[in-house]
Amino acid sequence: MINIYKHTSFSFQFHGTDGILGDVLKALLLKYGKQWDGREAQKIVGKTPLEEAAIVVGDYELPCSIDEFVTQITPLLYDQ
C-alpha cells in the first residue's frame, strides 16, 4: 500500500481547462479514452486532494482506484 498522503501535498484546484492542470488531466484522461471537459470543477471546490481525485475517478468512471489516479497524476503535475 502506498502512502498517498505523501503524494497529496498539493490541491488539484480545478479552475476549468486552462493551464497546467487542464493539460495534465487531458493527457491522463486520454489514456483511459476519456476527454477532460471540466464538468466536475464546481463539485470539488473546498475539497481535499483525495476527495478531488475521487470525484474525477467517479465522474469519468475510470478503471483505476483513487490511489492509482493520485500516483499517476502527481508526477505529471510536479514535472510541469
PDB file of N, CA and C in Angstrom:
ATOM      1  N   MET A   1       0.846  -1.187   0.000  1.00  0.00           N
ATOM      2  CA  MET A   1       0.000   0.000   0.000  1.00  0.00           C
ATOM      3  C   MET A   1       0.881   1.235   0.000  1.00  0.00           C
ATOM      4  N   ILE A   2       0.595   2.161  -0.897  1.00  0.00           N
ATOM      5  CA  ILE A   2       1.390   3.380  -0.946  1.00  0.00           C
ATOM      6  C   ILE A   2       0.845   4.393   0.051  1.00  0.00           C
ATOM      7  N   ASN A   3       1.695   5.278   0.462  1.00  0.00           N
ATOM      8  CA  ASN A   3       1.275   6.349   1.346  1.00  0.00           C
ATOM      9  C   ASN A   3       0.820   7.514   0.483  1.00  0.00           C
ATOM     10  N   ILE A   4      -0.481   7.602   0.215  1.00  0.00           N
ATOM     11  CA  ILE A   4      -0.967   8.626  -0.692  1.00  0.00           C
ATOM     12  C   ILE A   4      -0.875  10.020  -0.094  1.00  0.00           C
ATOM     13  N   TYR A   5      -0.831  10.120   1.198  1.00  0.00           N
ATOM     14  CA  TYR A   5      -0.705  11.441   1.805  1.00  0.00           C
ATOM     15  C   TYR A   5       0.637  12.065   1.454  1.00  0.00           C
ATOM     16  N   LYS A   6       1.647  11.248   1.239  1.00  0.00           N
ATOM     17  CA  LYS A   6       2.949  11.739   0.806  1.00  0.00           C
ATOM     18  C   LYS A   6       2.835  12.389  -0.569  1.00  0.00           C
ATOM     19  N   HIS A   7       1.897  11.917  -1.378  1.00  0.00           N
ATOM     20  CA  HIS A   7       1.746  12.386  -2.745  1.00  0.00           C
ATOM     21  C   HIS A   7       0.674  13.457  -2.903  1.00  0.00           C
ATOM     22  N   THR A   8       0.030  13.855  -1.830  1.00  0.00           N
ATOM     23  CA  THR A   8      -1.092  14.776  -1.972  1.00  0.00           C
ATOM     24  C   THR A   8      -0.888  16.060  -1.188  1.00  0.00           C
ATOM     25  N   SER A   9       0.312  16.579  -1.213  1.00  0.00           N
ATOM     26  CA  SER A   9       0.571  17.828  -0.509  1.00  0.00           C
ATOM     27  C   SER A   9       0.120  19.027  -1.331  1.00  0.00           C
ATOM     28  N   PHE A  10      -0.395  18.788  -2.505  1.00  0.00           N
ATOM     29  CA  PHE A  10      -0.922  19.842  -3.350  1.00  0.00           C
ATOM     30  C   PHE A  10      -2.414  19.641  -3.487  1.00  0.00           C
ATOM     31  N   SER A  11      -3.091  20.662  -3.895  1.00  0.00           N
ATOM     32  CA  SER A  11      -4.501  20.531  -4.231  1.00  0.00           C
ATOM     33  C   SER A  11      -4.606  20.656  -5.735  1.00  0.00           C
ATOM     34  N   PHE A  12      -5.426  19.835  -6.361  1.00  0.00           N
ATOM     35  CA  PHE A  12      -5.565  19.891  -7.804  1.00  0.00           C
ATOM     36  C   PHE A  12      -6.097  21.257  -8.248  1.00  0.00           C
ATOM     37  N   GLN A  13      -6.955  21.862  -7.456  1.00  0.00           N
ATOM     38  CA  GLN A  13      -7.524  23.174  -7.724  1.00  0.00           C
ATOM     39  C   GLN A  13      -7.999  23.307  -9.158  1.00  0.00           C
ATOM     40  N   PHE A  14      -9.041  22.593  -9.499  1.00  0.00           N
ATOM     41  CA  PHE A  14      -9.605  22.649 -10.832  1.00  0.00           C
ATOM     42  C   PHE A  14     -10.269  24.004 -11.043  1.00  0.00           C
ATOM     43  N   HIS A  15      -9.797  24.717 -12.030  1.00  0.00           N
ATOM     44  CA  HIS A  15     -10.385  26.014 -12.366  1.00  0.00           C
ATOM     45  C   HIS A  15     -10.666  26.055 -13.862  1.00  0.00           C
ATOM     46  N   GLY A  16     -11.311  25.035 -14.396  1.00  0.00           N
ATOM     47  CA  GLY A  16     -11.576  24.978 -15.819  1.00  0.00           C
ATOM     48  C   GLY A  16     -10.492  24.192 -16.532  1.00  0.00           C
ATOM     49  N   THR A  17     -10.390  24.398 -17.816  1.00  0.00           N
ATOM     50  CA  THR A  17      -9.483  23.584 -18.607  1.00  0.00           C
ATOM     51  C   THR A  17      -8.203  24.315 -18.972  1.00  0.00           C
ATOM     52  N   ASP A  18      -8.023  25.528 -18.504  1.00  0.00           N
ATOM     53  CA  ASP A  18      -6.828  26.284 -18.839  1.00  0.00           C
ATOM     54  C   ASP A  18      -5.677  25.912 -17.931  1.00  0.00           C
ATOM     55  N   GLY A  19      -4.475  26.066 -18.437  1.00  0.00           N
ATOM     56  CA  GLY A  19      -3.292  25.905 -17.617  1.00  0.00           C
ATOM     57  C   GLY A  19      -2.762  24.494 -17.539  1.00  0.00           C
ATOM     58  N   ILE A  20      -1.807  24.347 -16.643  1.00  0.00           N
ATOM     59  CA  ILE A  20      -1.076  23.098 -16.487  1.00  0.00           C
ATOM     60  C   ILE A  20      -1.996  21.957 -16.096  1.00  0.00           C
ATOM     61  N   LEU A  21      -2.852  22.170 -15.125  1.00  0.00           N
ATOM     62  CA  LEU A  21      -3.725  21.094 -14.666  1.00  0.00           C
ATOM     63  C   LEU A  21      -4.630  20.597 -15.780  1.00  0.00           C
ATOM     64  N   GLY A  22      -5.201  21.502 -16.530  1.00  0.00           N
ATOM     65  CA  GLY A  22      -6.053  21.102 -17.645  1.00  0.00           C
ATOM     66  C   GLY A  22      -5.285  20.255 -18.650  1.00  0.00           C
ATOM     67  N   ASP A  23      -4.047  20.671 -18.944  1.00  0.00           N
ATOM     68  CA  ASP A  23      -3.216  19.907 -19.885  1.00  0.00           C
ATOM     69  C   ASP A  23      -2.901  18.518 -19.341  1.00  0.00           C
ATOM     70  N   VAL A  24      -2.575  18.439 -18.054  1.00  0.00           N
ATOM     71  CA  VAL A  24      -2.244  17.153 -17.433  1.00  0.00           C
ATOM     72  C   VAL A  24      -3.472  16.247 -17.411  1.00  0.00           C
ATOM     73  N   LEU A  25      -4.608  16.787 -17.032  1.00  0.00           N
ATOM     74  CA  LEU A  25      -5.828  15.982 -16.999  1.00  0.00           C
ATOM     75  C   LEU A  25      -6.235  15.513 -18.389  1.00  0.00           C
ATOM     76  N   LYS A  26      -6.098  16.385 -19.377  1.00  0.00           N
ATOM     77  CA  LYS A  26      -6.420  15.980 -20.743  1.00  0.00           C
ATOM     78  C   LYS A  26      -5.581  14.786 -21.152  1.00  0.00           C
ATOM     79  N   ALA A  27      -4.279  14.853 -20.879  1.00  0.00           N
ATOM     80  CA  ALA A  27      -3.371  13.766 -21.257  1.00  0.00           C
ATOM     81  C   ALA A  27      -3.667  12.492 -20.468  1.00  0.00           C
ATOM     82  N   LEU A  28      -3.869  12.616 -19.174  1.00  0.00           N
ATOM     83  CA  LEU A  28      -4.105  11.442 -18.346  1.00  0.00           C
ATOM     84  C   LEU A  28      -5.450  10.784 -18.674  1.00  0.00           C
ATOM     85  N   LEU A  29      -6.486  11.574 -18.841  1.00  0.00           N
ATOM     86  CA  LEU A  29      -7.790  11.003 -19.158  1.00  0.00           C
ATOM     87  C   LEU A  29      -7.806  10.384 -20.550  1.00  0.00           C
ATOM     88  N   LEU A  30      -7.037  10.938 -21.464  1.00  0.00           N
ATOM     89  CA  LEU A  30      -6.938  10.371 -22.803  1.00  0.00           C
ATOM     90  C   LEU A  30      -6.421   8.936 -22.750  1.00  0.00           C
ATOM     91  N   LYS A  31      -5.535   8.678 -21.802  1.00  0.00           N
ATOM     92  CA  LYS A  31      -5.015   7.319 -21.594  1.00  0.00           C
ATOM     93  C   LYS A  31      -6.158   6.334 -21.344  1.00  0.00           C
ATOM     94  N   TYR A  32      -7.228   6.806 -20.741  1.00  0.00           N
ATOM     95  CA  TYR A  32      -8.386   5.971 -20.430  1.00  0.00           C
ATOM     96  C   TYR A  32      -9.508   6.131 -21.468  1.00  0.00           C
ATOM     97  N   GLY A  33      -9.207   6.829 -22.567  1.00  0.00           N
ATOM     98  CA  GLY A  33     -10.212   7.030 -23.597  1.00  0.00           C
ATOM     99  C   GLY A  33     -11.278   8.044 -23.216  1.00  0.00           C
ATOM    100  N   LYS A  34     -10.941   8.932 -22.286  1.00  0.00           N
ATOM    101  CA  LYS A  34     -11.891   9.944 -21.806  1.00  0.00           C
ATOM    102  C   LYS A  34     -11.390  11.327 -22.203  1.00  0.00           C
ATOM    103  N   GLN A  35     -12.296  12.299 -22.216  1.00  0.00           N
ATOM    104  CA  GLN A  35     -11.933  13.664 -22.565  1.00  0.00           C
ATOM    105  C   GLN A  35     -12.273  14.593 -21.411  1.00  0.00           C
ATOM    106  N   TRP A  36     -11.276  15.349 -20.939  1.00  0.00           N
ATOM    107  CA  TRP A  36     -11.483  16.323 -19.869  1.00  0.00           C
ATOM    108  C   TRP A  36     -12.398  17.425 -20.378  1.00  0.00           C
ATOM    109  N   ASP A  37     -13.473  17.672 -19.662  1.00  0.00           N
ATOM    110  CA  ASP A  37     -14.381  18.745 -20.048  1.00  0.00           C
ATOM    111  C   ASP A  37     -14.640  19.720 -18.907  1.00  0.00           C
ATOM    112  N   GLY A  38     -14.009  19.496 -17.769  1.00  0.00           N
ATOM    113  CA  GLY A  38     -14.136  20.415 -16.649  1.00  0.00           C
ATOM    114  C   GLY A  38     -15.461  20.334 -15.913  1.00  0.00           C
ATOM    115  N   ARG A  39     -16.260  19.313 -16.194  1.00  0.00           N
ATOM    116  CA  ARG A  39     -17.604  19.260 -15.616  1.00  0.00           C
ATOM    117  C   ARG A  39     -17.635  19.132 -14.101  1.00  0.00           C
ATOM    118  N   GLU A  40     -16.564  18.644 -13.503  1.00  0.00           N
ATOM    119  CA  GLU A  40     -16.580  18.480 -12.053  1.00  0.00           C
ATOM    120  C   GLU A  40     -15.946  19.651 -11.304  1.00  0.00           C
ATOM    121  N   ALA A  41     -15.567  20.687 -12.008  1.00  0.00           N
ATOM    122  CA  ALA A  41     -14.886  21.821 -11.381  1.00  0.00           C
ATOM    123  C   ALA A  41     -15.682  22.393 -10.198  1.00  0.00           C
ATOM    124  N   GLN A  42     -16.973  22.549 -10.344  1.00  0.00           N
ATOM    125  CA  GLN A  42     -17.795  23.106  -9.260  1.00  0.00           C
ATOM    126  C   GLN A  42     -17.950  22.139  -8.091  1.00  0.00           C
ATOM    127  N   LYS A  43     -17.852  20.846  -8.358  1.00  0.00           N
ATOM    128  CA  LYS A  43     -18.032  19.840  -7.311  1.00  0.00           C
ATOM    129  C   LYS A  43     -16.874  19.778  -6.334  1.00  0.00           C
ATOM    130  N   ILE A  44     -15.691  20.198  -6.749  1.00  0.00           N
ATOM    131  CA  ILE A  44     -14.513  19.963  -5.924  1.00  0.00           C
ATOM    132  C   ILE A  44     -14.049  21.182  -5.139  1.00  0.00           C
ATOM    133  N   VAL A  45     -14.736  22.292  -5.291  1.00  0.00           N
ATOM    134  CA  VAL A  45     -14.358  23.490  -4.550  1.00  0.00           C
ATOM    135  C   VAL A  45     -14.396  23.194  -3.057  1.00  0.00           C
ATOM    136  N   GLY A  46     -13.290  23.454  -2.376  1.00  0.00           N
ATOM    137  CA  GLY A  46     -13.211  23.247  -0.944  1.00  0.00           C
ATOM    138  C   GLY A  46     -12.942  21.812  -0.521  1.00  0.00           C
ATOM    139  N   LYS A  47     -12.667  20.942  -1.459  1.00  0.00           N
ATOM    140  CA  LYS A  47     -12.416  19.532  -1.148  1.00  0.00           C
ATOM    141  C   LYS A  47     -10.922  19.281  -0.931  1.00  0.00           C
ATOM    142  N   THR A  48     -10.628  18.180  -0.284  1.00  0.00           N
ATOM    143  CA  THR A  48      -9.233  17.764  -0.112  1.00  0.00           C
ATOM    144  C   THR A  48      -8.743  17.166  -1.425  1.00  0.00           C
ATOM    145  N   PRO A  49      -7.431  17.031  -1.601  1.00  0.00           N
ATOM    146  CA  PRO A  49      -6.909  16.417  -2.830  1.00  0.00           C
ATOM    147  C   PRO A  49      -7.465  15.023  -3.083  1.00  0.00           C
ATOM    148  N   LEU A  50      -7.623  14.222  -2.026  1.00  0.00           N
ATOM    149  CA  LEU A  50      -8.169  12.874  -2.216  1.00  0.00           C
ATOM    150  C   LEU A  50      -9.633  12.921  -2.628  1.00  0.00           C
ATOM    151  N   GLU A  51     -10.381  13.845  -2.062  1.00  0.00           N
ATOM    152  CA  GLU A  51     -11.780  13.996  -2.465  1.00  0.00           C
ATOM    153  C   GLU A  51     -11.867  14.450  -3.917  1.00  0.00           C
ATOM    154  N   GLU A  52     -10.972  15.363  -4.301  1.00  0.00           N
ATOM    155  CA  GLU A  52     -10.933  15.833  -5.685  1.00  0.00           C
ATOM    156  C   GLU A  52     -10.646  14.673  -6.631  1.00  0.00           C
ATOM    157  N   ALA A  53      -9.662  13.856  -6.288  1.00  0.00           N
ATOM    158  CA  ALA A  53      -9.309  12.702  -7.120  1.00  0.00           C
ATOM    159  C   ALA A  53     -10.479  11.731  -7.204  1.00  0.00           C
ATOM    160  N   ALA A  54     -11.160  11.523  -6.089  1.00  0.00           N
ATOM    161  CA  ALA A  54     -12.309  10.613  -6.069  1.00  0.00           C
ATOM    162  C   ALA A  54     -13.407  11.103  -7.001  1.00  0.00           C
ATOM    163  N   ILE A  55     -13.613  12.399  -7.058  1.00  0.00           N
ATOM    164  CA  ILE A  55     -14.633  12.963  -7.942  1.00  0.00           C
ATOM    165  C   ILE A  55     -14.272  12.708  -9.400  1.00  0.00           C
ATOM    166  N   VAL A  56     -13.019  12.943  -9.769  1.00  0.00           N
ATOM    167  CA  VAL A  56     -12.594  12.715 -11.153  1.00  0.00           C
ATOM    168  C   VAL A  56     -12.722  11.234 -11.509  1.00  0.00           C
ATOM    169  N   VAL A  57     -12.210  10.369 -10.645  1.00  0.00           N
ATOM    170  CA  VAL A  57     -12.276   8.926 -10.901  1.00  0.00           C
ATOM    171  C   VAL A  57     -13.735   8.485 -11.040  1.00  0.00           C
ATOM    172  N   GLY A  58     -14.593   8.967 -10.171  1.00  0.00           N
ATOM    173  CA  GLY A  58     -16.004   8.588 -10.215  1.00  0.00           C
ATOM    174  C   GLY A  58     -16.754   9.174 -11.392  1.00  0.00           C
ATOM    175  N   ASP A  59     -16.594  10.476 -11.623  1.00  0.00           N
ATOM    176  CA  ASP A  59     -17.330  11.133 -12.705  1.00  0.00           C
ATOM    177  C   ASP A  59     -16.949  10.586 -14.076  1.00  0.00           C
ATOM    178  N   TYR A  60     -15.682  10.263 -14.244  1.00  0.00           N
ATOM    179  CA  TYR A  60     -15.224   9.742 -15.533  1.00  0.00           C
ATOM    180  C   TYR A  60     -15.224   8.219 -15.577  1.00  0.00           C
ATOM    181  N   GLU A  61     -15.686   7.599 -14.496  1.00  0.00           N
ATOM    182  CA  GLU A  61     -15.770   6.142 -14.412  1.00  0.00           C
ATOM    183  C   GLU A  61     -14.449   5.485 -14.830  1.00  0.00           C
ATOM    184  N   LEU A  62     -13.363   5.979 -14.243  1.00  0.00           N
ATOM    185  CA  LEU A  62     -12.035   5.456 -14.588  1.00  0.00           C
ATOM    186  C   LEU A  62     -11.841   4.071 -13.983  1.00  0.00           C
ATOM    187  N   PRO A  63     -11.172   3.193 -14.725  1.00  0.00           N
ATOM    188  CA  PRO A  63     -10.936   1.834 -14.237  1.00  0.00           C
ATOM    189  C   PRO A  63      -9.683   1.750 -13.370  1.00  0.00           C
ATOM    190  N   CYS A  64      -9.548   2.703 -12.448  1.00  0.00           N
ATOM    191  CA  CYS A  64      -8.417   2.699 -11.532  1.00  0.00           C
ATOM    192  C   CYS A  64      -8.919   3.153 -10.168  1.00  0.00           C
ATOM    193  N   SER A  65      -8.130   2.865  -9.158  1.00  0.00           N
ATOM    194  CA  SER A  65      -8.501   3.318  -7.814  1.00  0.00           C
ATOM    195  C   SER A  65      -8.105   4.785  -7.655  1.00  0.00           C
ATOM    196  N   ILE A  66      -8.608   5.391  -6.623  1.00  0.00           N
ATOM    197  CA  ILE A  66      -8.230   6.772  -6.317  1.00  0.00           C
ATOM    198  C   ILE A  66      -6.734   6.850  -6.059  1.00  0.00           C
ATOM    199  N   ASP A  67      -6.209   5.880  -5.326  1.00  0.00           N
ATOM    200  CA  ASP A  67      -4.772   5.841  -5.045  1.00  0.00           C
ATOM    201  C   ASP A  67      -3.959   5.781  -6.334  1.00  0.00           C
ATOM    202  N   GLU A  68      -4.395   4.939  -7.260  1.00  0.00           N
ATOM    203  CA  GLU A  68      -3.688   4.814  -8.536  1.00  0.00           C
ATOM    204  C   GLU A  68      -3.741   6.119  -9.327  1.00  0.00           C
ATOM    205  N   PHE A  69      -4.892   6.780  -9.307  1.00  0.00           N
ATOM    206  CA  PHE A  69      -5.030   8.049 -10.015  1.00  0.00           C
ATOM    207  C   PHE A  69      -4.083   9.090  -9.436  1.00  0.00           C
ATOM    208  N   VAL A  70      -4.058   9.197  -8.125  1.00  0.00           N
ATOM    209  CA  VAL A  70      -3.167  10.160  -7.468  1.00  0.00           C
ATOM    210  C   VAL A  70      -1.710   9.833  -7.798  1.00  0.00           C
ATOM    211  N   THR A  71      -1.358   8.553  -7.787  1.00  0.00           N
ATOM    212  CA  THR A  71       0.006   8.128  -8.109  1.00  0.00           C
ATOM    213  C   THR A  71       0.366   8.495  -9.544  1.00  0.00           C
ATOM    214  N   GLN A  72      -0.598   8.431 -10.443  1.00  0.00           N
ATOM    215  CA  GLN A  72      -0.341   8.759 -11.848  1.00  0.00           C
ATOM    216  C   GLN A  72      -0.258  10.259 -12.089  1.00  0.00           C
ATOM    217  N   ILE A  73      -1.126  11.020 -11.466  1.00  0.00           N
ATOM    218  CA  ILE A  73      -1.191  12.452 -11.768  1.00  0.00           C
ATOM    219  C   ILE A  73      -0.113  13.261 -11.042  1.00  0.00           C
ATOM    220  N   THR A  74       0.293  12.814  -9.872  1.00  0.00           N
ATOM    221  CA  THR A  74       1.252  13.593  -9.073  1.00  0.00           C
ATOM    222  C   THR A  74       2.548  13.870  -9.818  1.00  0.00           C
ATOM    223  N   PRO A  75       3.239  12.869 -10.368  1.00  0.00           N
ATOM    224  CA  PRO A  75       4.484  13.190 -11.059  1.00  0.00           C
ATOM    225  C   PRO A  75       4.263  14.052 -12.299  1.00  0.00           C
ATOM    226  N   LEU A  76       3.122  13.890 -12.953  1.00  0.00           N
ATOM    227  CA  LEU A  76       2.829  14.711 -14.124  1.00  0.00           C
ATOM    228  C   LEU A  76       2.703  16.182 -13.734  1.00  0.00           C
ATOM    229  N   LEU A  77       2.069  16.434 -12.597  1.00  0.00           N
ATOM    230  CA  LEU A  77       1.919  17.811 -12.135  1.00  0.00           C
ATOM    231  C   LEU A  77       3.247  18.398 -11.680  1.00  0.00           C
ATOM    232  N   TYR A  78       4.033  17.613 -10.974  1.00  0.00           N
ATOM    233  CA  TYR A  78       5.316  18.106 -10.482  1.00  0.00           C
ATOM    234  C   TYR A  78       6.323  18.320 -11.609  1.00  0.00           C
ATOM    235  N   ASP A  79       6.164  17.596 -12.724  1.00  0.00           N
ATOM    236  CA  ASP A  79       7.071  17.760 -13.860  1.00  0.00           C
ATOM    237  C   ASP A  79       6.814  19.040 -14.629  1.00  0.00           C
ATOM    238  N   GLN A  80       5.670  19.652 -14.411  1.00  0.00           N
ATOM    239  CA  GLN A  80       5.310  20.856 -15.178  1.00  0.00           C
ATOM    240  C   GLN A  80       5.990  22.079 -14.669  1.00  0.00           C
TER     241      GLN A  80
END
